[in-house]
Amino acid sequence: MRIFGPDLDKLVEQGGRAQELMQNIRGIEDLRTEKLTGMPRMKVSIDRQAVARVGLTPGDVIRAIRVGMAGEEESEV
């Protein structure tokens, strides 16, 4: 079973509660909760006019942010 939602604290609480309720059910053998990393989110708003003034597109900016934050795989050998 998976529990999804935007509030990490609530997910930890609900996951623990679900584990408590399910741990004594006969036949359940691999019951575990995944550790949440608490990775912060970042919301980016792009000033399209400012980006255009320097010759970029909004996609260029998003791509640069993605590469800077997570890296990018070019190829595999």
N, C-alpha and C. Protein backbone atom coordinates (compact mmCIF):
# COMPACT_ATOMS: atom_id res chain seq x y z
N MET A 1 0.85 -1.16 0.00
CA MET A 1 0.00 0.00 0.00
C MET A 1 0.90 1.23 0.00
N ARG A 2 0.48 2.23 -0.71
CA ARG A 2 1.22 3.50 -0.73
C ARG A 2 0.27 4.62 -0.33
N ILE A 3 0.82 5.55 0.42
CA ILE A 3 0.07 6.72 0.85
C ILE A 3 0.76 7.93 0.25
N PHE A 4 0.01 8.76 -0.45
CA PHE A 4 0.57 9.93 -1.11
C PHE A 4 -0.03 11.20 -0.55
N GLY A 5 0.71 12.31 -0.67
CA GLY A 5 0.19 13.59 -0.25
C GLY A 5 1.29 14.63 -0.21
N PRO A 6 0.92 15.89 -0.12
CA PRO A 6 1.90 16.97 -0.16
C PRO A 6 2.55 17.29 1.19
N ASP A 7 1.95 16.89 2.28
CA ASP A 7 2.43 17.24 3.63
C ASP A 7 3.30 16.11 4.18
N LEU A 8 4.63 16.29 4.19
CA LEU A 8 5.54 15.22 4.61
C LEU A 8 5.32 14.80 6.06
N ASP A 9 5.05 15.75 6.94
CA ASP A 9 4.82 15.41 8.35
C ASP A 9 3.58 14.52 8.48
N LYS A 10 2.53 14.86 7.74
CA LYS A 10 1.30 14.08 7.78
C LYS A 10 1.53 12.68 7.19
N LEU A 11 2.35 12.59 6.14
CA LEU A 11 2.65 11.29 5.55
C LEU A 11 3.39 10.39 6.53
N VAL A 12 4.35 10.95 7.27
CA VAL A 12 5.07 10.17 8.27
C VAL A 12 4.10 9.66 9.33
N GLU A 13 3.22 10.55 9.77
CA GLU A 13 2.23 10.18 10.79
C GLU A 13 1.30 9.08 10.28
N GLN A 14 0.77 9.26 9.08
CA GLN A 14 -0.17 8.29 8.52
C GLN A 14 0.53 6.96 8.21
N GLY A 15 1.78 7.01 7.75
CA GLY A 15 2.53 5.79 7.47
C GLY A 15 2.77 4.98 8.74
N GLY A 16 3.12 5.67 9.81
CA GLY A 16 3.32 4.99 11.09
C GLY A 16 2.03 4.37 11.61
N ARG A 17 0.95 5.10 11.46
CA ARG A 17 -0.36 4.59 11.90
C ARG A 17 -0.76 3.37 11.08
N ALA A 18 -0.56 3.42 9.76
CA ALA A 18 -0.89 2.28 8.90
C ALA A 18 -0.05 1.07 9.28
N GLN A 19 1.22 1.29 9.57
CA GLN A 19 2.09 0.18 9.96
C GLN A 19 1.62 -0.45 11.27
N GLU A 20 1.25 0.39 12.23
CA GLU A 20 0.73 -0.13 13.50
C GLU A 20 -0.50 -1.00 13.29
N LEU A 21 -1.41 -0.54 12.43
CA LEU A 21 -2.65 -1.27 12.20
C LEU A 21 -2.42 -2.58 11.45
N MET A 22 -1.42 -2.61 10.58
CA MET A 22 -1.22 -3.76 9.71
C MET A 22 -0.22 -4.78 10.23
N GLN A 23 0.60 -4.42 11.22
CA GLN A 23 1.71 -5.30 11.61
C GLN A 23 1.26 -6.64 12.20
N ASN A 24 0.09 -6.70 12.74
CA ASN A 24 -0.37 -7.96 13.35
C ASN A 24 -1.30 -8.76 12.45
N ILE A 25 -1.44 -8.38 11.20
CA ILE A 25 -2.29 -9.12 10.27
C ILE A 25 -1.52 -10.34 9.78
N ARG A 26 -2.11 -11.50 9.96
CA ARG A 26 -1.46 -12.74 9.55
C ARG A 26 -1.27 -12.75 8.03
N GLY A 27 -0.08 -13.14 7.61
CA GLY A 27 0.21 -13.21 6.19
C GLY A 27 1.01 -12.03 5.67
N ILE A 28 1.06 -10.94 6.41
CA ILE A 28 1.87 -9.80 6.00
C ILE A 28 3.28 -10.04 6.52
N GLU A 29 4.23 -10.11 5.58
CA GLU A 29 5.60 -10.44 5.98
C GLU A 29 6.58 -9.30 5.74
N ASP A 30 6.39 -8.49 4.73
CA ASP A 30 7.36 -7.46 4.38
C ASP A 30 6.73 -6.08 4.56
N LEU A 31 6.48 -5.73 5.81
CA LEU A 31 5.83 -4.46 6.11
C LEU A 31 6.89 -3.46 6.56
N ARG A 32 6.98 -2.35 5.86
CA ARG A 32 7.97 -1.32 6.23
C ARG A 32 7.48 0.03 5.72
N THR A 33 7.94 1.05 6.37
CA THR A 33 7.67 2.41 5.89
C THR A 33 8.96 2.96 5.31
N GLU A 34 8.83 3.68 4.23
CA GLU A 34 9.99 4.29 3.60
C GLU A 34 10.34 5.58 4.33
N LYS A 35 11.61 5.82 4.47
CA LYS A 35 12.06 7.06 5.10
C LYS A 35 11.88 8.20 4.10
N LEU A 36 11.29 9.26 4.56
CA LEU A 36 11.12 10.43 3.70
C LEU A 36 12.33 11.34 3.87
N THR A 37 12.79 11.87 2.76
CA THR A 37 14.00 12.69 2.82
C THR A 37 13.72 14.11 3.26
N GLY A 38 12.49 14.55 3.10
CA GLY A 38 12.19 15.93 3.45
C GLY A 38 12.82 16.91 2.48
N MET A 39 13.03 16.44 1.26
CA MET A 39 13.66 17.29 0.26
C MET A 39 12.81 18.53 0.03
N PRO A 40 13.41 19.68 0.14
CA PRO A 40 12.64 20.91 -0.06
C PRO A 40 12.23 21.08 -1.52
N ARG A 41 11.17 21.80 -1.71
CA ARG A 41 10.69 22.11 -3.05
C ARG A 41 11.10 23.52 -3.40
N MET A 42 11.20 23.76 -4.67
CA MET A 42 11.54 25.09 -5.13
C MET A 42 10.54 25.47 -6.23
N LYS A 43 9.91 26.59 -6.06
CA LYS A 43 8.99 27.08 -7.08
C LYS A 43 9.69 28.19 -7.84
N VAL A 44 9.74 28.05 -9.15
CA VAL A 44 10.45 29.01 -9.99
C VAL A 44 9.45 29.79 -10.83
N SER A 45 9.54 31.09 -10.78
CA SER A 45 8.74 31.96 -11.65
C SER A 45 9.72 32.68 -12.56
N ILE A 46 9.48 32.58 -13.84
CA ILE A 46 10.42 33.14 -14.82
C ILE A 46 9.87 34.46 -15.36
N ASP A 47 10.69 35.47 -15.31
CA ASP A 47 10.35 36.78 -15.90
C ASP A 47 10.68 36.66 -17.39
N ARG A 48 9.66 36.40 -18.19
CA ARG A 48 9.86 36.14 -19.61
C ARG A 48 10.52 37.31 -20.34
N GLN A 49 10.18 38.51 -19.97
CA GLN A 49 10.78 39.67 -20.63
C GLN A 49 12.27 39.77 -20.31
N ALA A 50 12.62 39.56 -19.06
CA ALA A 50 14.04 39.64 -18.67
C ALA A 50 14.84 38.52 -19.35
N VAL A 51 14.26 37.34 -19.42
CA VAL A 51 14.93 36.21 -20.05
C VAL A 51 15.12 36.50 -21.55
N ALA A 52 14.11 37.03 -22.18
CA ALA A 52 14.19 37.34 -23.61
C ALA A 52 15.24 38.41 -23.89
N ARG A 53 15.39 39.36 -22.97
CA ARG A 53 16.38 40.43 -23.17
C ARG A 53 17.81 39.89 -23.28
N VAL A 54 18.07 38.76 -22.64
CA VAL A 54 19.42 38.18 -22.70
C VAL A 54 19.50 37.02 -23.70
N GLY A 55 18.45 36.87 -24.51
CA GLY A 55 18.47 35.89 -25.58
C GLY A 55 18.17 34.46 -25.17
N LEU A 56 17.49 34.27 -24.06
CA LEU A 56 17.14 32.93 -23.60
C LEU A 56 15.64 32.71 -23.69
N THR A 57 15.24 31.45 -23.60
CA THR A 57 13.82 31.11 -23.52
C THR A 57 13.54 30.62 -22.10
N PRO A 58 12.29 30.59 -21.67
CA PRO A 58 11.97 30.02 -20.36
C PRO A 58 12.46 28.57 -20.24
N GLY A 59 12.40 27.82 -21.32
CA GLY A 59 12.89 26.44 -21.30
C GLY A 59 14.38 26.36 -21.02
N ASP A 60 15.14 27.33 -21.55
CA ASP A 60 16.58 27.37 -21.28
C ASP A 60 16.83 27.54 -19.79
N VAL A 61 16.07 28.39 -19.17
CA VAL A 61 16.24 28.66 -17.74
C VAL A 61 15.89 27.42 -16.91
N ILE A 62 14.76 26.81 -17.23
CA ILE A 62 14.33 25.61 -16.51
C ILE A 62 15.36 24.50 -16.67
N ARG A 63 15.85 24.31 -17.88
CA ARG A 63 16.86 23.28 -18.13
C ARG A 63 18.12 23.54 -17.31
N ALA A 64 18.56 24.79 -17.27
CA ALA A 64 19.76 25.13 -16.50
C ALA A 64 19.55 24.87 -15.01
N ILE A 65 18.38 25.19 -14.50
CA ILE A 65 18.08 24.93 -13.08
C ILE A 65 18.07 23.44 -12.81
N ARG A 66 17.41 22.67 -13.69
CA ARG A 66 17.35 21.21 -13.51
C ARG A 66 18.75 20.60 -13.51
N VAL A 67 19.59 21.01 -14.45
CA VAL A 67 20.96 20.48 -14.53
C VAL A 67 21.75 20.89 -13.28
N GLY A 68 21.59 22.12 -12.84
CA GLY A 68 22.29 22.59 -11.66
C GLY A 68 21.88 21.87 -10.39
N MET A 69 20.61 21.53 -10.28
CA MET A 69 20.11 20.89 -9.07
C MET A 69 20.32 19.38 -9.06
N ALA A 70 20.10 18.73 -10.19
CA ALA A 70 20.10 17.26 -10.22
C ALA A 70 21.13 16.66 -11.16
N GLY A 71 21.74 17.48 -11.99
CA GLY A 71 22.67 16.95 -12.98
C GLY A 71 21.91 16.43 -14.18
N GLU A 72 22.65 15.97 -15.15
CA GLU A 72 22.01 15.46 -16.36
C GLU A 72 22.91 14.39 -16.95
N GLU A 73 22.33 13.27 -17.30
CA GLU A 73 23.10 12.18 -17.89
C GLU A 73 23.22 12.43 -19.38
N GLU A 74 24.43 12.52 -19.87
CA GLU A 74 24.69 12.75 -21.29
C GLU A 74 24.67 11.45 -22.08
N SER A 75 25.39 10.47 -21.58
CA SER A 75 25.45 9.18 -22.27
C SER A 75 25.87 8.10 -21.29
N GLU A 76 25.78 6.87 -21.75
CA GLU A 76 26.15 5.74 -20.91
C GLU A 76 27.12 4.87 -21.69
N VAL A 77 28.21 4.48 -21.04
CA VAL A 77 29.22 3.65 -21.70
C VAL A 77 29.23 2.29 -21.09
